[in-house]
Amino acid sequence: MNGTERAHVKPGLEVDIVLKQDQRTGKLTRGIVKDLLTKSATHPHGIKVRLADGQVGRVKHIHGS
């Protein structure tokens, strides 16, 4: 599942995100969602989240769903 809809992204889920510095290459970083930073219901580039380790990026893929 992709991460463009806020309703699909919840704290505790394992996700792949693209960090700001990796947007050109599209390199994915895997982690556990701690906080949702995007307030709108959807975002075309993915919902922005903070991972448990503090990294911030946009969700590209949600695991386990």
Protein backbone atom coordinates (compact mmCIF):
# COMPACT_ATOMS: atom_id res chain seq x y z
CA MET A 1 0.00 0.00 0.00
CA ASN A 2 1.30 3.47 -0.78
CA GLY A 3 1.42 6.28 1.75
CA THR A 4 -0.56 9.07 0.08
CA GLU A 5 -3.63 8.80 2.36
CA ARG A 6 -3.35 9.88 6.00
CA ALA A 7 -6.01 7.37 7.11
CA HIS A 8 -3.70 4.47 6.10
CA VAL A 9 -0.68 5.71 8.08
CA LYS A 10 -0.72 5.08 11.84
CA PRO A 11 1.91 5.27 14.60
CA GLY A 12 3.56 1.88 15.10
CA LEU A 13 3.38 0.80 11.45
CA GLU A 14 6.51 -0.26 9.57
CA VAL A 15 6.99 1.94 6.51
CA ASP A 16 9.49 2.89 3.81
CA ILE A 17 10.10 6.63 3.55
CA VAL A 18 12.13 8.91 1.30
CA LEU A 19 14.25 11.36 3.29
CA LYS A 20 14.62 14.94 2.00
CA GLN A 21 18.25 14.37 1.02
CA ASP A 22 17.30 11.16 -0.86
CA GLN A 23 14.50 12.66 -3.00
CA ARG A 24 16.73 12.85 -6.10
CA THR A 25 17.77 9.19 -5.90
CA GLY A 26 14.55 7.79 -4.42
CA LYS A 27 16.51 5.79 -1.81
CA LEU A 28 14.13 4.31 0.75
CA THR A 29 14.62 4.17 4.51
CA ARG A 30 12.65 1.67 6.59
CA GLY A 31 11.38 2.41 10.08
CA ILE A 32 8.49 2.56 12.53
CA VAL A 33 6.13 5.57 12.44
CA LYS A 34 6.24 7.70 15.60
CA ASP A 35 4.37 10.87 14.53
CA LEU A 36 2.33 12.02 11.52
CA LEU A 37 3.43 15.48 10.40
CA THR A 38 1.07 16.04 7.44
CA LYS A 39 -2.28 17.47 8.55
CA SER A 40 -4.19 17.09 5.26
CA ALA A 41 -6.10 13.87 4.43
CA THR A 42 -3.95 13.14 1.36
CA HIS A 43 -0.67 14.27 -0.16
CA PRO A 44 0.47 13.33 -3.70
CA HIS A 45 4.10 12.73 -2.62
CA GLY A 46 3.23 10.78 0.54
CA ILE A 47 2.30 11.61 4.10
CA LYS A 48 5.21 13.18 6.01
CA VAL A 49 6.11 11.25 9.17
CA ARG A 50 8.73 11.13 11.91
CA LEU A 51 10.17 7.68 12.54
CA ALA A 52 10.95 6.25 15.98
CA ASP A 53 14.65 7.04 15.38
CA GLY A 54 13.85 10.70 14.62
CA GLN A 55 14.26 10.69 10.83
CA VAL A 56 11.63 12.62 8.85
CA GLY A 57 10.40 11.80 5.36
CA ARG A 58 7.44 10.99 3.14
CA VAL A 59 5.84 7.53 3.20
CA LYS A 60 6.27 5.58 -0.06
CA HIS A 61 5.20 2.11 1.11
CA ILE A 62 3.40 0.64 4.12
CA HIS A 63 4.38 -2.89 5.21
CA GLY A 64 2.10 -5.51 6.68
CA SER A 65 -1.06 -4.25 4.99
